[in-house]
């Protein structure tokens, strides 16, 4: 695991996070099960994603296995990246 990943993992342990599960794409044959993990302090972004993702049904959520996971920590300062967040 790289230094940036360790820094992000440590940061996540100190934050309250939200998980949004859904699909990218609306064609059942090609859609991708996706999980967004984001800081609760940025819940407005998670709320937007709930509208951009195609929601999973209750039955799909019972056995939901994401093929793609996005971890978004916009408030995490990354040393060496001037003025940017992860």
PDB file of N, CA and C in Angstrom:
ATOM      1  N   UNK A   1       0.845  -1.173   0.000  1.00  0.00           N
ATOM      2  CA  UNK A   1       0.000   0.000   0.000  1.00  0.00           C
ATOM      3  C   UNK A   1       0.890   1.235   0.000  1.00  0.00           C
ATOM      4  N   UNK A   2       0.569   2.183  -0.843  1.00  0.00           N
ATOM      5  CA  UNK A   2       1.353   3.397  -0.944  1.00  0.00           C
ATOM      6  C   UNK A   2       1.060   4.375   0.184  1.00  0.00           C
ATOM      7  N   UNK A   3       1.916   5.385   0.301  1.00  0.00           N
ATOM      8  CA  UNK A   3       1.777   6.377   1.371  1.00  0.00           C
ATOM      9  C   UNK A   3       0.455   7.123   1.268  1.00  0.00           C
ATOM     10  N   UNK A   4       0.016   7.463   0.056  1.00  0.00           N
ATOM     11  CA  UNK A   4      -1.258   8.177  -0.114  1.00  0.00           C
ATOM     12  C   UNK A   4      -2.431   7.326   0.338  1.00  0.00           C
ATOM     13  N   UNK A   5      -2.401   6.045   0.025  1.00  0.00           N
ATOM     14  CA  UNK A   5      -3.480   5.142   0.434  1.00  0.00           C
ATOM     15  C   UNK A   5      -3.509   5.005   1.953  1.00  0.00           C
ATOM     16  N   UNK A   6      -2.348   4.908   2.586  1.00  0.00           N
ATOM     17  CA  UNK A   6      -2.294   4.819   4.051  1.00  0.00           C
ATOM     18  C   UNK A   6      -2.845   6.097   4.687  1.00  0.00           C
ATOM     19  N   UNK A   7      -2.450   7.240   4.121  1.00  0.00           N
ATOM     20  CA  UNK A   7      -2.927   8.528   4.631  1.00  0.00           C
ATOM     21  C   UNK A   7      -4.453   8.604   4.517  1.00  0.00           C
ATOM     22  N   UNK A   8      -4.990   8.163   3.381  1.00  0.00           N
ATOM     23  CA  UNK A   8      -6.436   8.188   3.193  1.00  0.00           C
ATOM     24  C   UNK A   8      -7.131   7.209   4.141  1.00  0.00           C
ATOM     25  N   UNK A   9      -6.589   6.019   4.310  1.00  0.00           N
ATOM     26  CA  UNK A   9      -7.183   5.045   5.236  1.00  0.00           C
ATOM     27  C   UNK A   9      -7.223   5.590   6.660  1.00  0.00           C
ATOM     28  N   UNK A  10      -6.135   6.214   7.098  1.00  0.00           N
ATOM     29  CA  UNK A  10      -6.093   6.806   8.440  1.00  0.00           C
ATOM     30  C   UNK A  10      -7.125   7.921   8.559  1.00  0.00           C
ATOM     31  N   UNK A  11      -7.246   8.724   7.528  1.00  0.00           N
ATOM     32  CA  UNK A  11      -8.208   9.825   7.517  1.00  0.00           C
ATOM     33  C   UNK A  11      -9.639   9.291   7.609  1.00  0.00           C
ATOM     34  N   UNK A  12      -9.939   8.260   6.837  1.00  0.00           N
ATOM     35  CA  UNK A  12     -11.285   7.674   6.826  1.00  0.00           C
ATOM     36  C   UNK A  12     -11.660   7.154   8.211  1.00  0.00           C
ATOM     37  N   UNK A  13     -10.695   6.595   8.926  1.00  0.00           N
ATOM     38  CA  UNK A  13     -10.972   6.084  10.275  1.00  0.00           C
ATOM     39  C   UNK A  13     -11.439   7.195  11.216  1.00  0.00           C
ATOM     40  N   UNK A  14     -11.065   8.437  10.921  1.00  0.00           N
ATOM     41  CA  UNK A  14     -11.418   9.559  11.795  1.00  0.00           C
ATOM     42  C   UNK A  14     -12.678  10.292  11.335  1.00  0.00           C
ATOM     43  N   UNK A  15     -13.293   9.843  10.249  1.00  0.00           N
ATOM     44  CA  UNK A  15     -14.455  10.533   9.675  1.00  0.00           C
ATOM     45  C   UNK A  15     -15.697   9.656   9.699  1.00  0.00           C
ATOM     46  N   UNK A  16     -16.837  10.321   9.687  1.00  0.00           N
ATOM     47  CA  UNK A  16     -18.090   9.610   9.484  1.00  0.00           C
ATOM     48  C   UNK A  16     -18.317   9.569   7.974  1.00  0.00           C
ATOM     49  N   UNK A  17     -18.541   8.376   7.442  1.00  0.00           N
ATOM     50  CA  UNK A  17     -18.653   8.196   5.995  1.00  0.00           C
ATOM     51  C   UNK A  17     -20.064   7.750   5.606  1.00  0.00           C
ATOM     52  N   UNK A  18     -20.436   8.013   4.365  1.00  0.00           N
ATOM     53  CA  UNK A  18     -21.714   7.594   3.781  1.00  0.00           C
ATOM     54  C   UNK A  18     -21.402   6.637   2.640  1.00  0.00           C
ATOM     55  N   UNK A  19     -22.233   5.630   2.472  1.00  0.00           N
ATOM     56  CA  UNK A  19     -22.091   4.691   1.357  1.00  0.00           C
ATOM     57  C   UNK A  19     -23.327   4.799   0.479  1.00  0.00           C
ATOM     58  N   UNK A  20     -23.104   4.955  -0.830  1.00  0.00           N
ATOM     59  CA  UNK A  20     -24.186   4.979  -1.816  1.00  0.00           C
ATOM     60  C   UNK A  20     -23.932   3.825  -2.776  1.00  0.00           C
ATOM     61  N   UNK A  21     -24.851   2.871  -2.839  1.00  0.00           N
ATOM     62  CA  UNK A  21     -24.746   1.746  -3.770  1.00  0.00           C
ATOM     63  C   UNK A  21     -25.732   1.954  -4.911  1.00  0.00           C
ATOM     64  N   UNK A  22     -25.303   1.651  -6.113  1.00  0.00           N
ATOM     65  CA  UNK A  22     -26.166   1.764  -7.280  1.00  0.00           C
ATOM     66  C   UNK A  22     -25.431   1.279  -8.511  1.00  0.00           C
ATOM     67  N   UNK A  23     -25.969   1.641  -9.663  1.00  0.00           N
ATOM     68  CA  UNK A  23     -25.389   1.190 -10.922  1.00  0.00           C
ATOM     69  C   UNK A  23     -25.045   2.385 -11.798  1.00  0.00           C
ATOM     70  N   UNK A  24     -23.953   2.267 -12.505  1.00  0.00           N
ATOM     71  CA  UNK A  24     -23.625   3.222 -13.557  1.00  0.00           C
ATOM     72  C   UNK A  24     -24.087   2.574 -14.851  1.00  0.00           C
ATOM     73  N   UNK A  25     -24.963   3.259 -15.546  1.00  0.00           N
ATOM     74  CA  UNK A  25     -25.544   2.721 -16.777  1.00  0.00           C
ATOM     75  C   UNK A  25     -26.943   2.186 -16.526  1.00  0.00           C
ATOM     76  N   UNK A  26     -27.805   2.339 -17.528  1.00  0.00           N
ATOM     77  CA  UNK A  26     -29.186   1.909 -17.338  1.00  0.00           C
ATOM     78  C   UNK A  26     -29.539   0.629 -18.080  1.00  0.00           C
ATOM     79  N   UNK A  27     -28.634   0.094 -18.885  1.00  0.00           N
ATOM     80  CA  UNK A  27     -28.892  -1.152 -19.605  1.00  0.00           C
ATOM     81  C   UNK A  27     -28.471  -2.310 -18.703  1.00  0.00           C
ATOM     82  N   UNK A  28     -29.415  -3.152 -18.267  1.00  0.00           N
ATOM     83  CA  UNK A  28     -29.078  -4.246 -17.348  1.00  0.00           C
ATOM     84  C   UNK A  28     -27.944  -5.144 -17.826  1.00  0.00           C
ATOM     85  N   UNK A  29     -27.749  -5.226 -19.124  1.00  0.00           N
ATOM     86  CA  UNK A  29     -26.693  -6.095 -19.649  1.00  0.00           C
ATOM     87  C   UNK A  29     -25.299  -5.471 -19.489  1.00  0.00           C
ATOM     88  N   UNK A  30     -25.237  -4.153 -19.425  1.00  0.00           N
ATOM     89  CA  UNK A  30     -23.941  -3.482 -19.417  1.00  0.00           C
ATOM     90  C   UNK A  30     -23.683  -2.610 -18.191  1.00  0.00           C
ATOM     91  N   UNK A  31     -24.655  -2.443 -17.331  1.00  0.00           N
ATOM     92  CA  UNK A  31     -24.468  -1.557 -16.183  1.00  0.00           C
ATOM     93  C   UNK A  31     -23.423  -2.135 -15.220  1.00  0.00           C
ATOM     94  N   UNK A  32     -22.830  -1.254 -14.424  1.00  0.00           N
ATOM     95  CA  UNK A  32     -21.763  -1.646 -13.509  1.00  0.00           C
ATOM     96  C   UNK A  32     -22.197  -1.336 -12.077  1.00  0.00           C
ATOM     97  N   UNK A  33     -22.189  -2.339 -11.227  1.00  0.00           N
ATOM     98  CA  UNK A  33     -22.494  -2.146  -9.809  1.00  0.00           C
ATOM     99  C   UNK A  33     -21.381  -1.310  -9.195  1.00  0.00           C
ATOM    100  N   UNK A  34     -21.762  -0.186  -8.571  1.00  0.00           N
ATOM    101  CA  UNK A  34     -20.778   0.773  -8.082  1.00  0.00           C
ATOM    102  C   UNK A  34     -21.115   1.216  -6.666  1.00  0.00           C
ATOM    103  N   UNK A  35     -20.078   1.375  -5.868  1.00  0.00           N
ATOM    104  CA  UNK A  35     -20.228   1.871  -4.495  1.00  0.00           C
ATOM    105  C   UNK A  35     -19.445   3.164  -4.368  1.00  0.00           C
ATOM    106  N   UNK A  36     -20.103   4.203  -3.859  1.00  0.00           N
ATOM    107  CA  UNK A  36     -19.467   5.474  -3.544  1.00  0.00           C
ATOM    108  C   UNK A  36     -19.347   5.566  -2.035  1.00  0.00           C
ATOM    109  N   UNK A  37     -18.131   5.831  -1.553  1.00  0.00           N
ATOM    110  CA  UNK A  37     -17.888   6.057  -0.133  1.00  0.00           C
ATOM    111  C   UNK A  37     -17.385   7.489  -0.009  1.00  0.00           C
ATOM    112  N   UNK A  38     -18.111   8.302   0.766  1.00  0.00           N
ATOM    113  CA  UNK A  38     -17.799   9.733   0.842  1.00  0.00           C
ATOM    114  C   UNK A  38     -18.012  10.239   2.260  1.00  0.00           C
ATOM    115  N   UNK A  39     -17.292  11.288   2.613  1.00  0.00           N
ATOM    116  CA  UNK A  39     -17.424  11.889   3.934  1.00  0.00           C
ATOM    117  C   UNK A  39     -18.848  12.424   4.144  1.00  0.00           C
ATOM    118  N   UNK A  40     -19.404  12.198   5.319  1.00  0.00           N
ATOM    119  CA  UNK A  40     -20.742  12.700   5.634  1.00  0.00           C
ATOM    120  C   UNK A  40     -20.790  14.222   5.496  1.00  0.00           C
ATOM    121  N   UNK A  41     -19.683  14.903   5.789  1.00  0.00           N
ATOM    122  CA  UNK A  41     -19.659  16.370   5.687  1.00  0.00           C
ATOM    123  C   UNK A  41     -19.879  16.845   4.256  1.00  0.00           C
ATOM    124  N   UNK A  42     -19.744  15.954   3.294  1.00  0.00           N
ATOM    125  CA  UNK A  42     -20.005  16.269   1.889  1.00  0.00           C
ATOM    126  C   UNK A  42     -21.227  15.507   1.386  1.00  0.00           C
ATOM    127  N   UNK A  43     -22.222  15.379   2.235  1.00  0.00           N
ATOM    128  CA  UNK A  43     -23.420  14.597   1.896  1.00  0.00           C
ATOM    129  C   UNK A  43     -24.143  15.142   0.678  1.00  0.00           C
ATOM    130  N   UNK A  44     -23.976  16.435   0.374  1.00  0.00           N
ATOM    131  CA  UNK A  44     -24.628  16.981  -0.819  1.00  0.00           C
ATOM    132  C   UNK A  44     -24.117  16.287  -2.080  1.00  0.00           C
ATOM    133  N   UNK A  45     -22.846  15.922  -2.116  1.00  0.00           N
ATOM    134  CA  UNK A  45     -22.294  15.194  -3.269  1.00  0.00           C
ATOM    135  C   UNK A  45     -22.903  13.796  -3.330  1.00  0.00           C
ATOM    136  N   UNK A  46     -23.005  13.134  -2.177  1.00  0.00           N
ATOM    137  CA  UNK A  46     -23.612  11.804  -2.143  1.00  0.00           C
ATOM    138  C   UNK A  46     -25.068  11.876  -2.594  1.00  0.00           C
ATOM    139  N   UNK A  47     -25.776  12.933  -2.199  1.00  0.00           N
ATOM    140  CA  UNK A  47     -27.161  13.108  -2.625  1.00  0.00           C
ATOM    141  C   UNK A  47     -27.273  13.248  -4.130  1.00  0.00           C
ATOM    142  N   UNK A  48     -26.338  13.988  -4.734  1.00  0.00           N
ATOM    143  CA  UNK A  48     -26.342  14.122  -6.200  1.00  0.00           C
ATOM    144  C   UNK A  48     -26.091  12.771  -6.855  1.00  0.00           C
ATOM    145  N   UNK A  49     -25.160  11.990  -6.298  1.00  0.00           N
ATOM    146  CA  UNK A  49     -24.844  10.696  -6.890  1.00  0.00           C
ATOM    147  C   UNK A  49     -26.037   9.755  -6.841  1.00  0.00           C
ATOM    148  N   UNK A  50     -26.861   9.869  -5.799  1.00  0.00           N
ATOM    149  CA  UNK A  50     -28.052   9.026  -5.736  1.00  0.00           C
ATOM    150  C   UNK A  50     -28.976   9.315  -6.911  1.00  0.00           C
ATOM    151  N   UNK A  51     -28.905  10.525  -7.453  1.00  0.00           N
ATOM    152  CA  UNK A  51     -29.725  10.859  -8.620  1.00  0.00           C
ATOM    153  C   UNK A  51     -29.020  10.489  -9.923  1.00  0.00           C
ATOM    154  N   UNK A  52     -27.693  10.435  -9.899  1.00  0.00           N
ATOM    155  CA  UNK A  52     -26.944  10.118 -11.122  1.00  0.00           C
ATOM    156  C   UNK A  52     -26.789   8.620 -11.324  1.00  0.00           C
ATOM    157  N   UNK A  53     -26.709   7.873 -10.232  1.00  0.00           N
ATOM    158  CA  UNK A  53     -26.630   6.418 -10.337  1.00  0.00           C
ATOM    159  C   UNK A  53     -28.033   5.884 -10.596  1.00  0.00           C
ATOM    160  N   UNK A  54     -28.113   4.729 -11.207  1.00  0.00           N
ATOM    161  CA  UNK A  54     -29.394   4.046 -11.333  1.00  0.00           C
ATOM    162  C   UNK A  54     -29.531   3.186 -10.099  1.00  0.00           C
ATOM    163  N   UNK A  55     -30.585   3.395  -9.309  1.00  0.00           N
ATOM    164  CA  UNK A  55     -30.685   2.711  -8.027  1.00  0.00           C
ATOM    165  C   UNK A  55     -30.849   1.203  -8.154  1.00  0.00           C
ATOM    166  N   UNK A  56     -30.354   0.515  -7.164  1.00  0.00           N
ATOM    167  CA  UNK A  56     -30.517  -0.940  -7.080  1.00  0.00           C
ATOM    168  C   UNK A  56     -31.847  -1.223  -6.385  1.00  0.00           C
ATOM    169  N   UNK A  57     -32.506  -2.266  -6.815  1.00  0.00           N
ATOM    170  CA  UNK A  57     -33.752  -2.674  -6.163  1.00  0.00           C
ATOM    171  C   UNK A  57     -33.416  -3.305  -4.812  1.00  0.00           C
ATOM    172  N   UNK A  58     -34.432  -3.485  -3.969  1.00  0.00           N
ATOM    173  CA  UNK A  58     -34.210  -4.130  -2.672  1.00  0.00           C
ATOM    174  C   UNK A  58     -33.615  -5.522  -2.855  1.00  0.00           C
ATOM    175  N   UNK A  59     -34.100  -6.254  -3.847  1.00  0.00           N
ATOM    176  CA  UNK A  59     -33.577  -7.603  -4.105  1.00  0.00           C
ATOM    177  C   UNK A  59     -32.108  -7.544  -4.539  1.00  0.00           C
ATOM    178  N   UNK A  60     -31.772  -6.559  -5.374  1.00  0.00           N
ATOM    179  CA  UNK A  60     -30.379  -6.429  -5.824  1.00  0.00           C
ATOM    180  C   UNK A  60     -29.471  -6.041  -4.660  1.00  0.00           C
ATOM    181  N   UNK A  61     -29.976  -5.210  -3.752  1.00  0.00           N
ATOM    182  CA  UNK A  61     -29.161  -4.789  -2.614  1.00  0.00           C
ATOM    183  C   UNK A  61     -28.875  -5.930  -1.651  1.00  0.00           C
ATOM    184  N   UNK A  62     -29.758  -6.937  -1.613  1.00  0.00           N
ATOM    185  CA  UNK A  62     -29.538  -8.097  -0.738  1.00  0.00           C
ATOM    186  C   UNK A  62     -28.252  -8.833  -1.093  1.00  0.00           C
ATOM    187  N   UNK A  63     -27.881  -8.826  -2.371  1.00  0.00           N
ATOM    188  CA  UNK A  63     -26.672  -9.534  -2.799  1.00  0.00           C
ATOM    189  C   UNK A  63     -25.720  -8.596  -3.559  1.00  0.00           C
ATOM    190  N   UNK A  64     -25.773  -7.300  -3.241  1.00  0.00           N
ATOM    191  CA  UNK A  64     -24.998  -6.294  -3.976  1.00  0.00           C
ATOM    192  C   UNK A  64     -23.502  -6.509  -3.787  1.00  0.00           C
ATOM    193  N   UNK A  65     -22.790  -6.622  -4.872  1.00  0.00           N
ATOM    194  CA  UNK A  65     -21.328  -6.745  -4.883  1.00  0.00           C
ATOM    195  C   UNK A  65     -20.797  -5.724  -5.881  1.00  0.00           C
ATOM    196  N   UNK A  66     -20.230  -4.603  -5.404  1.00  0.00           N
ATOM    197  CA  UNK A  66     -19.747  -3.595  -6.348  1.00  0.00           C
ATOM    198  C   UNK A  66     -18.562  -4.090  -7.169  1.00  0.00           C
ATOM    199  N   UNK A  67     -18.560  -3.762  -8.455  1.00  0.00           N
ATOM    200  CA  UNK A  67     -17.402  -4.039  -9.316  1.00  0.00           C
ATOM    201  C   UNK A  67     -16.458  -2.851  -9.314  1.00  0.00           C
ATOM    202  N   UNK A  68     -16.977  -1.695  -8.904  1.00  0.00           N
ATOM    203  CA  UNK A  68     -16.194  -0.466  -8.841  1.00  0.00           C
ATOM    204  C   UNK A  68     -16.517   0.233  -7.530  1.00  0.00           C
ATOM    205  N   UNK A  69     -15.491   0.650  -6.802  1.00  0.00           N
ATOM    206  CA  UNK A  69     -15.679   1.427  -5.583  1.00  0.00           C
ATOM    207  C   UNK A  69     -14.930   2.742  -5.732  1.00  0.00           C
ATOM    208  N   UNK A  70     -15.641   3.847  -5.464  1.00  0.00           N
ATOM    209  CA  UNK A  70     -15.059   5.181  -5.500  1.00  0.00           C
ATOM    210  C   UNK A  70     -15.020   5.688  -4.068  1.00  0.00           C
ATOM    211  N   UNK A  71     -13.828   6.027  -3.590  1.00  0.00           N
ATOM    212  CA  UNK A  71     -13.664   6.591  -2.254  1.00  0.00           C
ATOM    213  C   UNK A  71     -13.289   8.055  -2.447  1.00  0.00           C
ATOM    214  N   UNK A  72     -14.183   8.939  -2.006  1.00  0.00           N
ATOM    215  CA  UNK A  72     -14.021  10.366  -2.251  1.00  0.00           C
ATOM    216  C   UNK A  72     -13.839  11.085  -0.915  1.00  0.00           C
ATOM    217  N   UNK A  73     -12.652  11.634  -0.696  1.00  0.00           N
ATOM    218  CA  UNK A  73     -12.318  12.349   0.531  1.00  0.00           C
ATOM    219  C   UNK A  73     -11.855  13.759   0.169  1.00  0.00           C
ATOM    220  N   UNK A  74     -12.790  14.628  -0.205  1.00  0.00           N
ATOM    221  CA  UNK A  74     -12.408  15.950  -0.700  1.00  0.00           C
ATOM    222  C   UNK A  74     -11.759  16.859   0.336  1.00  0.00           C
ATOM    223  N   UNK A  75     -11.902  16.558   1.621  1.00  0.00           N
ATOM    224  CA  UNK A  75     -11.321  17.416   2.654  1.00  0.00           C
ATOM    225  C   UNK A  75      -9.968  16.922   3.155  1.00  0.00           C
ATOM    226  N   UNK A  76      -9.453  15.871   2.564  1.00  0.00           N
ATOM    227  CA  UNK A  76      -8.151  15.326   2.966  1.00  0.00           C
ATOM    228  C   UNK A  76      -7.035  16.064   2.231  1.00  0.00           C
ATOM    229  N   UNK A  77      -6.197  16.745   2.992  1.00  0.00           N
ATOM    230  CA  UNK A  77      -5.032  17.421   2.397  1.00  0.00           C
ATOM    231  C   UNK A  77      -3.987  16.367   2.037  1.00  0.00           C
ATOM    232  N   UNK A  78      -3.452  16.468   0.843  1.00  0.00           N
ATOM    233  CA  UNK A  78      -2.433  15.522   0.380  1.00  0.00           C
ATOM    234  C   UNK A  78      -1.083  16.245   0.268  1.00  0.00           C
ATOM    235  N   UNK A  79      -0.151  15.914   1.152  1.00  0.00           N
ATOM    236  CA  UNK A  79       1.176  16.532   1.073  1.00  0.00           C
ATOM    237  C   UNK A  79       1.801  16.311  -0.304  1.00  0.00           C
ATOM    238  N   UNK A  80       2.380  17.371  -0.840  1.00  0.00           N
ATOM    239  CA  UNK A  80       3.029  17.264  -2.139  1.00  0.00           C
ATOM    240  C   UNK A  80       2.115  17.656  -3.287  1.00  0.00           C
ATOM    241  N   UNK A  81       0.838  17.873  -3.003  1.00  0.00           N
ATOM    242  CA  UNK A  81      -0.120  18.314  -4.014  1.00  0.00           C
ATOM    243  C   UNK A  81      -0.607  19.689  -3.603  1.00  0.00           C
ATOM    244  N   UNK A  82       0.089  20.699  -4.056  1.00  0.00           N
ATOM    245  CA  UNK A  82      -0.146  22.076  -3.638  1.00  0.00           C
ATOM    246  C   UNK A  82      -1.607  22.518  -3.784  1.00  0.00           C
ATOM    247  N   UNK A  83      -2.242  22.788  -2.636  1.00  0.00           N
ATOM    248  CA  UNK A  83      -3.586  23.320  -2.645  1.00  0.00           C
ATOM    249  C   UNK A  83      -4.666  22.370  -3.080  1.00  0.00           C
ATOM    250  N   UNK A  84      -4.367  21.103  -3.194  1.00  0.00           N
ATOM    251  CA  UNK A  84      -5.351  20.122  -3.657  1.00  0.00           C
ATOM    252  C   UNK A  84      -5.746  19.183  -2.543  1.00  0.00           C
ATOM    253  N   UNK A  85      -6.867  18.519  -2.742  1.00  0.00           N
ATOM    254  CA  UNK A  85      -7.321  17.463  -1.841  1.00  0.00           C
ATOM    255  C   UNK A  85      -7.366  16.176  -2.608  1.00  0.00           C
ATOM    256  N   UNK A  86      -7.479  15.042  -1.900  1.00  0.00           N
ATOM    257  CA  UNK A  86      -7.550  13.722  -2.547  1.00  0.00           C
ATOM    258  C   UNK A  86      -8.907  13.489  -3.116  1.00  0.00           C
TER     259      UNK A  86
END
